[in-house]
C-alpha cells in the first residue's frame, strides 16, 4: 500500500501542477467542448478571477502533495475543485470526464489511506 500511496501522490501532484500552470501559460489547448460547457468556461475565464484562483489552488496543493507537506489539508482543500471539475464534465462535457474522474479518484484514495489524520474532524 505504501508504494501505491507514493505513486498516486506523485501522480496527482504532477497532474495538478501541470494543469494549474496550463491555466496561466496555456501550453495545452482546450479540447472541443459542448456549447453549454464552452459558454460556462468562457464566463468563468471572463470573470477575471475564478480560474486564476483555481489555478493557484491547483499549483499550491500539487506542490504540497508532491512534497508530502500538509497532505491532509491539501487534499481537503482540493476536493471541492476536483468535484466541481467532475460535475462540470458529467453535466456539460461528458467526453472529457475521464481525466476529472481519475483525479477525483486519486484524491479520494489518498484521503482514504490517510483517514487517521481526519479522525478529529469527523467526531461529533
Protein backbone atom coordinates (compact mmCIF):
# COMPACT_ATOMS: atom_id res chain seq x y z
CA UNK A 1 0.00 0.00 0.00
CA UNK A 2 2.92 2.35 0.66
CA UNK A 3 4.08 2.11 -2.96
CA UNK A 4 0.56 2.73 -4.27
CA UNK A 5 0.21 5.73 -1.97
CA UNK A 6 3.52 7.15 -3.19
CA UNK A 7 2.69 6.60 -6.87
CA UNK A 8 -0.78 8.13 -6.56
CA UNK A 9 0.54 11.05 -4.50
CA UNK A 10 3.29 11.88 -7.01
CA UNK A 11 0.98 11.41 -9.99
CA UNK A 12 -1.74 13.63 -8.51
CA UNK A 13 0.81 16.28 -7.55
CA UNK A 14 2.31 16.37 -11.04
CA UNK A 15 -1.11 16.45 -12.73
CA UNK A 16 -2.22 19.36 -10.53
CA UNK A 17 0.92 21.37 -11.20
CA UNK A 18 0.73 20.79 -14.96
CA UNK A 19 -2.96 21.63 -15.29
CA UNK A 20 -2.69 24.53 -12.85
CA UNK A 21 0.23 26.04 -14.76
CA UNK A 22 -1.62 25.49 -18.03
CA UNK A 23 -4.28 27.92 -16.82
CA UNK A 24 -1.57 30.61 -16.65
CA UNK A 25 0.63 29.68 -19.62
CA UNK A 26 -1.86 27.98 -21.99
CA UNK A 27 0.68 25.44 -23.32
CA UNK A 28 -2.08 22.84 -23.87
CA UNK A 29 -5.10 23.81 -25.99
CA UNK A 30 -8.57 23.21 -24.61
CA UNK A 31 -10.28 20.26 -26.27
CA UNK A 32 -13.53 20.93 -28.11
CA UNK A 33 -16.49 21.06 -25.73
CA UNK A 34 -20.25 21.30 -25.99
CA UNK A 35 -21.78 24.74 -26.43
CA UNK A 36 -23.03 24.83 -22.83
CA UNK A 37 -19.61 23.84 -21.50
CA UNK A 38 -17.89 26.43 -23.69
CA UNK A 39 -20.30 29.13 -22.54
CA UNK A 40 -19.71 28.35 -18.87
CA UNK A 41 -15.93 28.11 -19.28
CA UNK A 42 -15.89 31.41 -21.17
CA UNK A 43 -17.89 33.08 -18.39
CA UNK A 44 -15.53 31.70 -15.72
CA UNK A 45 -12.44 32.89 -17.60
CA UNK A 46 -14.02 36.27 -18.39
CA UNK A 47 -14.80 36.81 -14.70
CA UNK A 48 -11.09 37.51 -14.37
CA UNK A 49 -10.53 35.77 -11.07
CA UNK A 50 -12.21 32.37 -10.68
CA UNK A 51 -9.90 30.42 -12.96
CA UNK A 52 -6.88 32.26 -11.51
CA UNK A 53 -7.90 31.13 -8.01
CA UNK A 54 -8.47 27.58 -9.26
CA UNK A 55 -5.04 27.59 -10.92
CA UNK A 56 -3.33 28.89 -7.77
CA UNK A 57 -5.06 26.28 -5.61
CA UNK A 58 -4.12 23.51 -8.07
CA UNK A 59 -0.46 24.54 -8.18
CA UNK A 60 -0.12 25.09 -4.42
CA UNK A 61 -1.89 21.87 -3.46
CA UNK A 62 0.05 20.00 -6.15
CA UNK A 63 3.32 21.19 -4.63
CA UNK A 64 2.18 20.32 -1.10
CA UNK A 65 1.08 16.87 -2.24
CA UNK A 66 4.38 16.27 -4.04
CA UNK A 67 6.38 17.41 -1.00
CA UNK A 68 4.12 15.39 1.33
CA UNK A 69 3.65 18.50 3.49
CA UNK A 70 0.24 19.35 4.93
CA UNK A 71 -1.08 16.48 2.80
CA UNK A 72 -4.37 16.05 4.67
CA UNK A 73 -5.11 19.77 4.43
CA UNK A 74 -4.17 19.94 0.75
CA UNK A 75 -6.47 17.02 -0.07
CA UNK A 76 -9.42 18.62 1.73
CA UNK A 77 -8.84 21.98 0.01
CA UNK A 78 -8.52 20.27 -3.36
CA UNK A 79 -11.60 18.06 -3.13
CA UNK A 80 -14.26 20.70 -3.98
CA UNK A 81 -12.31 21.79 -7.04
CA UNK A 82 -11.99 18.24 -8.34
CA UNK A 83 -15.63 17.53 -7.52
CA UNK A 84 -16.65 20.62 -9.48
CA UNK A 85 -14.48 19.52 -12.44
CA UNK A 86 -16.10 16.08 -12.33
CA UNK A 87 -19.63 17.54 -12.18
CA UNK A 88 -18.82 20.02 -14.96
CA UNK A 89 -17.89 17.14 -17.24
CA UNK A 90 -20.75 14.93 -16.05
CA UNK A 91 -23.41 17.51 -16.89
CA UNK A 92 -21.83 19.63 -19.64
CA UNK A 93 -18.97 17.76 -21.32
CA UNK A 94 -19.28 14.02 -20.83
CA UNK A 95 -16.49 13.08 -23.30
CA UNK A 96 -13.97 14.86 -21.05
CA UNK A 97 -14.96 13.14 -17.83
CA UNK A 98 -12.08 10.64 -17.81
CA UNK A 99 -9.40 12.98 -16.50
CA UNK A 100 -11.66 14.51 -13.88
CA UNK A 101 -12.75 11.04 -12.73
CA UNK A 102 -9.15 9.88 -12.46
CA UNK A 103 -8.14 12.98 -10.46
CA UNK A 104 -11.02 12.74 -8.00
CA UNK A 105 -10.40 9.00 -7.54
CA UNK A 106 -6.75 9.72 -6.72
CA UNK A 107 -7.85 12.37 -4.22
CA UNK A 108 -10.37 10.04 -2.57
CA UNK A 109 -7.79 7.23 -2.45
CA UNK A 110 -5.27 9.49 -0.70
CA UNK A 111 -7.91 10.73 1.75
CA UNK A 112 -8.86 7.10 2.50
CA UNK A 113 -5.28 5.93 3.11
CA UNK A 114 -4.73 8.95 5.38
CA UNK A 115 -8.08 8.59 7.19
CA UNK A 116 -6.46 8.63 10.64
CA UNK A 117 -5.50 12.27 10.07
CA UNK A 118 -9.18 13.17 9.66
CA UNK A 119 -10.48 11.42 12.79
CA UNK A 120 -10.71 14.60 14.87
CA UNK A 121 -12.62 16.40 12.14
CA UNK A 122 -15.23 13.66 11.99
CA UNK A 123 -16.01 13.49 15.70
CA UNK A 124 -19.43 14.82 16.72
